[in-house]
Amino acid sequence: MKLVWSIMVLLIILLQVRLWVGEGSFAQVWGLEEAIAGQRAENEELEIRNERLFAEVQNLRGQQGALEERARMNLGLIREDETFFLVVEQ
């Protein structure tokens, strides 16, 4: 009878070790859940950025004035009949 109890205790200990340490253990599952939560947060930020970029592209495609404004602001473009003044602060 002692042998049967010893075998059962040994099996329970082995099952507990597998449950807490190794592949598919609680520690690994917790780590994966944290990684998933981090990835979801990053995906939400990237989705918001993509929506902003998509809106900007739609604006640039739809309105000629938006394209001209972008060229003036970023590239410093001016028309032929305009005068460019550069104000330098000290």
N, C-alpha and C. Protein backbone atom coordinates (compact mmCIF):
# COMPACT_ATOMS: atom_id res chain seq x y z
N MET A 1 0.81 -1.19 0.00
CA MET A 1 0.00 0.00 0.00
C MET A 1 0.86 1.27 0.00
N LYS A 2 1.99 1.20 0.70
CA LYS A 2 2.89 2.35 0.73
C LYS A 2 3.44 2.64 -0.66
N LEU A 3 3.66 1.59 -1.44
CA LEU A 3 4.18 1.76 -2.79
C LEU A 3 3.17 2.52 -3.66
N VAL A 4 1.90 2.18 -3.54
CA VAL A 4 0.86 2.84 -4.33
C VAL A 4 0.79 4.32 -3.95
N TRP A 5 0.83 4.62 -2.65
CA TRP A 5 0.79 5.99 -2.19
C TRP A 5 2.03 6.75 -2.65
N SER A 6 3.15 6.12 -2.62
CA SER A 6 4.39 6.77 -3.06
C SER A 6 4.32 7.12 -4.55
N ILE A 7 3.80 6.18 -5.34
CA ILE A 7 3.67 6.41 -6.78
C ILE A 7 2.69 7.55 -7.04
N MET A 8 1.57 7.59 -6.31
CA MET A 8 0.57 8.64 -6.49
C MET A 8 1.14 10.01 -6.10
N VAL A 9 1.88 10.07 -5.01
CA VAL A 9 2.48 11.32 -4.59
C VAL A 9 3.50 11.78 -5.62
N LEU A 10 4.29 10.87 -6.13
CA LEU A 10 5.27 11.19 -7.15
C LEU A 10 4.60 11.72 -8.41
N LEU A 11 3.50 11.09 -8.84
CA LEU A 11 2.77 11.55 -10.01
C LEU A 11 2.19 12.95 -9.79
N ILE A 12 1.64 13.19 -8.62
CA ILE A 12 1.09 14.50 -8.32
C ILE A 12 2.18 15.56 -8.35
N ILE A 13 3.34 15.23 -7.79
CA ILE A 13 4.46 16.18 -7.80
C ILE A 13 4.91 16.46 -9.23
N LEU A 14 5.00 15.43 -10.06
CA LEU A 14 5.40 15.61 -11.45
C LEU A 14 4.38 16.47 -12.21
N LEU A 15 3.10 16.25 -11.96
CA LEU A 15 2.08 17.05 -12.61
C LEU A 15 2.15 18.51 -12.16
N GLN A 16 2.42 18.73 -10.88
CA GLN A 16 2.55 20.09 -10.37
C GLN A 16 3.77 20.79 -10.98
N VAL A 17 4.86 20.08 -11.13
CA VAL A 17 6.06 20.67 -11.73
C VAL A 17 5.76 21.09 -13.16
N ARG A 18 5.07 20.24 -13.89
CA ARG A 18 4.73 20.58 -15.27
C ARG A 18 3.75 21.77 -15.32
N LEU A 19 2.89 21.85 -14.32
CA LEU A 19 1.93 22.95 -14.27
C LEU A 19 2.60 24.29 -14.01
N TRP A 20 3.62 24.34 -13.19
CA TRP A 20 4.24 25.59 -12.78
C TRP A 20 5.51 25.93 -13.57
N VAL A 21 6.18 24.93 -14.14
CA VAL A 21 7.44 25.16 -14.85
C VAL A 21 7.38 24.41 -16.18
N GLY A 22 7.91 25.02 -17.22
CA GLY A 22 8.00 24.35 -18.51
C GLY A 22 7.02 24.89 -19.52
N GLU A 23 6.90 24.19 -20.63
CA GLU A 23 6.04 24.63 -21.71
C GLU A 23 4.57 24.48 -21.32
N GLY A 24 3.81 25.55 -21.54
CA GLY A 24 2.40 25.53 -21.20
C GLY A 24 2.12 25.77 -19.73
N SER A 25 3.12 26.22 -18.99
CA SER A 25 2.96 26.46 -17.56
C SER A 25 2.25 27.78 -17.31
N PHE A 26 1.86 27.99 -16.06
CA PHE A 26 1.21 29.25 -15.71
C PHE A 26 2.13 30.44 -15.97
N ALA A 27 3.40 30.30 -15.67
CA ALA A 27 4.34 31.40 -15.87
C ALA A 27 4.43 31.77 -17.35
N GLN A 28 4.47 30.77 -18.20
CA GLN A 28 4.56 31.04 -19.63
C GLN A 28 3.26 31.70 -20.14
N VAL A 29 2.13 31.21 -19.66
CA VAL A 29 0.85 31.78 -20.07
C VAL A 29 0.75 33.23 -19.62
N TRP A 30 1.16 33.55 -18.41
CA TRP A 30 1.13 34.92 -17.92
C TRP A 30 2.03 35.82 -18.77
N GLY A 31 3.21 35.30 -19.09
CA GLY A 31 4.13 36.08 -19.93
C GLY A 31 3.55 36.35 -21.32
N LEU A 32 2.91 35.33 -21.88
CA LEU A 32 2.30 35.50 -23.20
C LEU A 32 1.12 36.47 -23.15
N GLU A 33 0.35 36.43 -22.07
CA GLU A 33 -0.78 37.37 -21.94
C GLU A 33 -0.28 38.81 -21.84
N GLU A 34 0.82 39.03 -21.13
CA GLU A 34 1.41 40.37 -21.05
C GLU A 34 1.92 40.82 -22.42
N ALA A 35 2.55 39.90 -23.14
CA ALA A 35 3.05 40.24 -24.47
C ALA A 35 1.89 40.57 -25.42
N ILE A 36 0.80 39.83 -25.31
CA ILE A 36 -0.37 40.09 -26.15
C ILE A 36 -0.97 41.45 -25.82
N ALA A 37 -1.06 41.76 -24.53
CA ALA A 37 -1.61 43.06 -24.13
C ALA A 37 -0.74 44.21 -24.65
N GLY A 38 0.57 44.05 -24.57
CA GLY A 38 1.48 45.06 -25.10
C GLY A 38 1.34 45.23 -26.60
N GLN A 39 1.21 44.12 -27.31
CA GLN A 39 1.06 44.17 -28.76
C GLN A 39 -0.26 44.81 -29.15
N ARG A 40 -1.32 44.51 -28.39
CA ARG A 40 -2.63 45.14 -28.68
C ARG A 40 -2.56 46.65 -28.49
N ALA A 41 -1.88 47.09 -27.44
CA ALA A 41 -1.75 48.53 -27.20
C ALA A 41 -0.97 49.18 -28.35
N GLU A 42 0.09 48.55 -28.77
CA GLU A 42 0.88 49.07 -29.89
C GLU A 42 0.06 49.09 -31.17
N ASN A 43 -0.74 48.05 -31.39
CA ASN A 43 -1.58 47.99 -32.59
C ASN A 43 -2.62 49.11 -32.58
N GLU A 44 -3.18 49.43 -31.41
CA GLU A 44 -4.15 50.52 -31.32
C GLU A 44 -3.51 51.86 -31.68
N GLU A 45 -2.29 52.09 -31.17
CA GLU A 45 -1.58 53.32 -31.50
C GLU A 45 -1.30 53.41 -33.00
N LEU A 46 -0.87 52.30 -33.58
CA LEU A 46 -0.58 52.29 -35.02
C LEU A 46 -1.85 52.45 -35.84
N GLU A 47 -2.95 51.91 -35.36
CA GLU A 47 -4.21 52.07 -36.08
C GLU A 47 -4.66 53.53 -36.08
N ILE A 48 -4.49 54.21 -34.96
CA ILE A 48 -4.83 55.63 -34.89
C ILE A 48 -3.95 56.43 -35.84
N ARG A 49 -2.65 56.11 -35.85
CA ARG A 49 -1.73 56.80 -36.77
C ARG A 49 -2.11 56.55 -38.22
N ASN A 50 -2.47 55.31 -38.54
CA ASN A 50 -2.86 54.99 -39.91
C ASN A 50 -4.13 55.73 -40.32
N GLU A 51 -5.07 55.87 -39.39
CA GLU A 51 -6.30 56.61 -39.70
C GLU A 51 -5.99 58.08 -40.00
N ARG A 52 -5.08 58.67 -39.19
CA ARG A 52 -4.69 60.06 -39.44
C ARG A 52 -4.02 60.21 -40.81
N LEU A 53 -3.12 59.28 -41.13
CA LEU A 53 -2.43 59.33 -42.42
C LEU A 53 -3.41 59.14 -43.58
N PHE A 54 -4.37 58.24 -43.41
CA PHE A 54 -5.37 58.00 -44.45
C PHE A 54 -6.21 59.25 -44.67
N ALA A 55 -6.60 59.92 -43.58
CA ALA A 55 -7.38 61.16 -43.71
C ALA A 55 -6.56 62.23 -44.41
N GLU A 56 -5.27 62.30 -44.11
CA GLU A 56 -4.41 63.29 -44.76
C GLU A 56 -4.26 63.00 -46.25
N VAL A 57 -4.12 61.73 -46.60
CA VAL A 57 -4.02 61.35 -48.02
C VAL A 57 -5.31 61.70 -48.74
N GLN A 58 -6.46 61.41 -48.12
CA GLN A 58 -7.74 61.74 -48.76
C GLN A 58 -7.87 63.25 -48.95
N ASN A 59 -7.41 64.01 -47.97
CA ASN A 59 -7.46 65.47 -48.06
C ASN A 59 -6.57 65.96 -49.20
N LEU A 60 -5.38 65.40 -49.32
CA LEU A 60 -4.46 65.83 -50.38
C LEU A 60 -4.96 65.43 -51.76
N ARG A 61 -5.64 64.29 -51.85
CA ARG A 61 -6.17 63.86 -53.15
C ARG A 61 -7.39 64.68 -53.55
N GLY A 62 -8.17 65.09 -52.58
CA GLY A 62 -9.44 65.72 -52.88
C GLY A 62 -9.36 67.21 -53.11
N GLN A 63 -8.42 67.89 -52.52
CA GLN A 63 -8.39 69.35 -52.60
C GLN A 63 -7.05 69.83 -53.13
N GLN A 64 -7.10 70.64 -54.17
CA GLN A 64 -5.86 71.18 -54.73
C GLN A 64 -5.24 72.18 -53.76
N GLY A 65 -6.05 72.90 -53.02
CA GLY A 65 -5.54 73.88 -52.06
C GLY A 65 -4.73 73.23 -50.95
N ALA A 66 -5.14 72.05 -50.53
CA ALA A 66 -4.39 71.34 -49.48
C ALA A 66 -3.01 70.94 -49.98
N LEU A 67 -2.94 70.50 -51.21
CA LEU A 67 -1.65 70.13 -51.80
C LEU A 67 -0.73 71.34 -51.92
N GLU A 68 -1.30 72.46 -52.35
CA GLU A 68 -0.51 73.68 -52.47
C GLU A 68 -0.04 74.16 -51.10
N GLU A 69 -0.91 74.09 -50.12
CA GLU A 69 -0.54 74.50 -48.76
C GLU A 69 0.61 73.64 -48.23
N ARG A 70 0.53 72.34 -48.49
CA ARG A 70 1.58 71.42 -48.05
C ARG A 70 2.90 71.75 -48.72
N ALA A 71 2.87 72.07 -50.01
CA ALA A 71 4.09 72.42 -50.74
C ALA A 71 4.69 73.73 -50.22
N ARG A 72 3.83 74.69 -49.89
CA ARG A 72 4.32 75.96 -49.37
C ARG A 72 4.95 75.78 -47.99
N MET A 73 4.31 75.02 -47.13
CA MET A 73 4.78 74.87 -45.75
C MET A 73 6.08 74.05 -45.68
N ASN A 74 6.10 72.91 -46.36
CA ASN A 74 7.22 71.98 -46.22
C ASN A 74 8.37 72.25 -47.19
N LEU A 75 8.04 72.71 -48.38
CA LEU A 75 9.07 72.87 -49.40
C LEU A 75 9.45 74.33 -49.65
N GLY A 76 8.67 75.26 -49.09
CA GLY A 76 8.97 76.67 -49.27
C GLY A 76 8.70 77.16 -50.68
N LEU A 77 7.75 76.57 -51.36
CA LEU A 77 7.45 76.97 -52.73
C LEU A 77 6.64 78.26 -52.74
N ILE A 78 6.91 79.08 -53.76
CA ILE A 78 6.17 80.33 -53.95
C ILE A 78 5.77 80.41 -55.42
N ARG A 79 4.75 81.22 -55.70
CA ARG A 79 4.31 81.43 -57.08
C ARG A 79 5.21 82.47 -57.75
N GLU A 80 5.06 82.59 -59.07
CA GLU A 80 5.91 83.51 -59.83
C GLU A 80 5.66 84.97 -59.45
N ASP A 81 4.44 85.34 -59.19
CA ASP A 81 4.13 86.75 -58.94
C ASP A 81 4.18 87.10 -57.45
N GLU A 82 4.66 86.21 -56.60
CA GLU A 82 4.73 86.47 -55.17
C GLU A 82 6.14 86.90 -54.77
N THR A 83 6.22 87.59 -53.64
CA THR A 83 7.51 87.99 -53.09
C THR A 83 7.72 87.22 -51.79
N PHE A 84 8.91 86.67 -51.64
CA PHE A 84 9.22 85.86 -50.46
C PHE A 84 10.00 86.68 -49.47
N PHE A 85 9.53 86.73 -48.24
CA PHE A 85 10.22 87.43 -47.15
C PHE A 85 10.63 86.41 -46.11
N LEU A 86 11.89 86.40 -45.75
CA LEU A 86 12.38 85.50 -44.71
C LEU A 86 12.66 86.33 -43.46
N VAL A 87 11.96 86.02 -42.40
CA VAL A 87 12.12 86.75 -41.15
C VAL A 87 12.99 85.88 -40.23
N VAL A 88 14.13 86.43 -39.84
CA VAL A 88 15.06 85.71 -38.99
C VAL A 88 15.01 86.32 -37.61
N GLU A 89 14.73 85.49 -36.61
CA GLU A 89 14.70 85.97 -35.23
C GLU A 89 16.09 85.87 -34.63
N GLN A 90 16.41 86.80 -33.73
CA GLN A 90 17.75 86.79 -33.16
C GLN A 90 17.82 85.99 -31.91
